[in-house]
Amino acid sequence: MERAKVRSSNLASIGYDNENHVLEVEFKTETVYQYFNVSESIFIAFMNAQSHGKFLNEHIVDNYKYRQIR
């Protein structure tokens, strides 16, 4: 999955698989997580958020199943 680099103190890049509704987040530590069943509207809001880290913590982390892939 391709990810776009973002300006964030903790996150390096964010990607989205529209067909499978998978959100992928890479942290600056090079850890990568995939979050499942994420709507495209949440992805768009995430990309447009003033603070990507705050949005991740408030809207994604506790609301979607995930797995660490790296």
Protein backbone atom coordinates (compact mmCIF):
# COMPACT_ATOMS: atom_id res chain seq x y z
CA MET A 1 0.00 0.00 0.00
CA GLU A 2 1.29 3.45 -0.84
CA ARG A 3 1.44 5.92 2.02
CA ALA A 4 1.67 9.71 1.94
CA LYS A 5 4.18 11.45 4.19
CA VAL A 6 2.57 13.68 6.81
CA ARG A 7 3.81 16.48 9.03
CA SER A 8 3.53 15.11 12.54
CA SER A 9 5.72 14.75 15.59
CA ASN A 10 4.93 11.02 15.85
CA LEU A 11 3.60 9.84 12.48
CA ALA A 12 5.66 9.43 9.31
CA SER A 13 3.04 8.42 6.73
CA ILE A 14 -0.58 7.40 6.21
CA GLY A 15 -2.11 5.17 3.53
CA TYR A 16 -5.52 3.84 2.66
CA ASP A 17 -6.78 0.86 0.66
CA ASN A 18 -10.18 2.01 -0.59
CA GLU A 19 -11.17 -1.44 -1.88
CA ASN A 20 -10.55 -3.21 1.43
CA HIS A 21 -11.14 -0.25 3.79
CA VAL A 22 -7.75 -0.65 5.44
CA LEU A 23 -5.96 2.34 6.94
CA GLU A 24 -2.20 2.03 7.34
CA VAL A 25 -0.21 4.25 9.70
CA GLU A 26 3.57 4.40 9.89
CA PHE A 27 5.12 5.95 12.97
CA LYS A 28 8.47 7.72 12.99
CA THR A 29 9.78 4.71 14.94
CA GLU A 30 9.11 2.76 11.67
CA THR A 31 6.36 0.74 13.36
CA VAL A 32 3.41 0.20 11.01
CA TYR A 33 -0.20 -0.57 11.98
CA GLN A 34 -3.17 -1.49 9.83
CA TYR A 35 -6.68 -0.56 10.99
CA PHE A 36 -9.62 -2.45 9.49
CA ASN A 37 -13.09 -1.44 8.24
CA VAL A 38 -12.20 2.25 8.21
CA SER A 39 -14.46 4.34 5.98
CA GLU A 40 -13.04 6.59 3.31
CA SER A 41 -14.61 9.59 5.07
CA ILE A 42 -12.60 8.84 8.23
CA PHE A 43 -9.43 8.54 6.14
CA ILE A 44 -10.12 11.91 4.48
CA ALA A 45 -10.82 13.55 7.84
CA PHE A 46 -7.60 12.01 9.19
CA MET A 47 -5.55 13.36 6.29
CA ASN A 48 -7.11 16.82 6.70
CA ALA A 49 -6.78 16.97 10.49
CA GLN A 50 -4.66 19.75 11.99
CA SER A 51 -3.09 17.17 14.30
CA HIS A 52 -2.77 13.67 12.83
CA GLY A 53 -1.67 12.21 16.16
CA LYS A 54 -4.62 13.69 18.05
CA PHE A 55 -7.06 12.48 15.38
CA LEU A 56 -5.56 8.99 15.49
CA ASN A 57 -5.91 8.80 19.27
CA GLU A 58 -9.41 10.31 19.41
CA HIS A 59 -11.07 8.64 16.41
CA ILE A 60 -9.18 5.53 15.33
CA VAL A 61 -7.11 3.71 17.99
CA ASP A 62 -9.95 2.49 20.23
CA ASN A 63 -12.58 2.27 17.49
CA TYR A 64 -11.11 -0.17 14.96
CA LYS A 65 -9.51 -3.59 15.03
CA TYR A 66 -5.85 -3.42 14.08
CA ARG A 67 -2.65 -5.37 13.70
CA GLN A 68 0.98 -4.40 13.77
CA ILE A 69 2.71 -5.36 10.51
CA ARG A 70 6.15 -3.94 11.25
